[in-house]
Protein backbone atom coordinates (compact mmCIF):
# COMPACT_ATOMS: atom_id res chain seq x y z
CA MET A 1 -0.22 0.30 0.00
CA GLN A 2 0.81 3.53 -1.35
CA ALA A 3 0.82 6.84 1.11
CA TYR A 4 1.56 10.03 0.05
CA ARG A 5 1.03 13.11 3.03
CA THR A 6 1.44 16.19 2.49
CA HIS A 7 -0.13 19.59 3.91
CA ALA A 8 -2.48 22.44 2.06
CA LYS A 9 -4.63 25.23 2.97
CA VAL A 10 -8.08 25.38 2.86
CA GLU A 11 -8.93 28.46 0.07
CA GLU A 12 -12.51 29.21 -0.28
CA GLY A 13 -13.86 25.74 1.26
CA GLN A 14 -11.28 23.97 -0.64
CA VAL A 15 -8.48 22.06 -1.64
CA VAL A 16 -6.05 21.19 -3.97
CA VAL A 17 -4.02 17.81 -3.97
CA GLN A 18 -0.88 17.72 -6.83
CA LEU A 19 -0.08 13.36 -6.79
CA PRO A 20 2.85 11.64 -8.31
CA LYS A 21 2.24 9.90 -11.51
CA THR A 22 2.08 6.70 -9.62
CA PHE A 23 -1.24 6.93 -7.83
CA ALA A 24 -2.76 7.66 -12.36
CA GLY A 25 -6.01 5.82 -12.90
CA THR A 26 -6.01 4.63 -9.50
CA GLU A 27 -8.62 5.03 -6.89
CA VAL A 28 -7.90 6.88 -3.41
CA GLU A 29 -9.12 7.61 -0.12
CA VAL A 30 -9.17 11.20 0.94
CA ILE A 31 -9.44 11.40 5.02
CA ILE A 32 -8.59 15.47 5.62
CA LEU A 33 -7.90 15.77 9.36
CA PRO A 34 -6.88 19.86 10.70
CA SER A 35 -3.18 20.30 10.99
CA GLU A 36 -1.65 19.38 14.49
CA SER A 37 -0.03 23.06 14.88
CA THR A 38 -3.85 23.96 14.23
CA PRO A 39 -4.69 24.82 17.99
CA ALA A 40 -7.05 22.84 19.27
CA ILE A 41 -10.40 23.64 21.53
CA PRO A 42 -9.37 22.65 25.02
CA LYS A 43 -12.11 20.19 27.04
CA ALA A 44 -13.39 21.43 30.25
CA LYS A 45 -11.71 19.60 32.98
CA LYS A 46 -14.69 17.60 34.91
CA ASN A 47 -15.31 18.43 38.43
CA MET A 48 -16.43 15.27 40.04
CA SER A 49 -16.69 16.64 43.58
CA LYS A 50 -20.24 18.62 42.80
CA TYR A 51 -22.07 15.27 43.19
CA ARG A 52 -20.40 14.80 46.69
CA GLY A 53 -23.59 14.17 49.12
CA VAL A 54 -26.01 14.00 46.59
CA LEU A 55 -27.45 10.43 47.66
CA LYS A 56 -27.69 10.96 51.02
CA THR A 57 -29.46 8.66 52.15
CA GLY A 58 -29.38 8.17 55.70
CA ILE A 59 -28.36 4.37 55.54
CA SER A 60 -25.77 3.17 57.27
CA ARG A 61 -21.96 2.40 55.56
CA GLU A 62 -23.05 -1.51 56.89
CA THR A 63 -26.13 -1.91 55.80
CA ILE A 64 -25.08 -1.26 52.33
CA ASP A 65 -22.86 -3.42 52.80
CA LYS A 66 -25.33 -6.09 54.30
CA GLN A 67 -27.70 -5.60 51.05
CA LEU A 68 -24.25 -5.81 48.30
CA GLN A 69 -23.60 -9.28 50.17
CA SER A 70 -26.40 -9.95 50.21
CA LEU A 71 -27.26 -9.04 46.22
CA ARG A 72 -24.30 -11.15 45.43
CA ASP A 73 -24.92 -14.17 47.82
CA GLU A 74 -28.02 -14.44 44.86
CA TRP A 75 -25.79 -14.83 42.11
CA GLU A 76 -24.03 -18.80 43.30
CA ARG A 77 -26.13 -20.56 42.23
CA PRO A 78 -26.12 -24.51 41.16
CA ILE A 79 -26.19 -24.33 36.92
């Protein structure tokens, strides 16, 4: 498989790429990616601390652990 990589500037919504003669008469796949020099939009940091304490149920940790263990014990059954 041959690959040809080049950088081009978009002008009026178009890009013109001059390919080598070895590609003449062949079908090619074109993938357009922004250049790495193009500044990326920074992603906002996720702040999970805003969820702390949202699910205050009044149930103790020990009670929750017992319920979880009970549910897990249900999984153990003869097949």
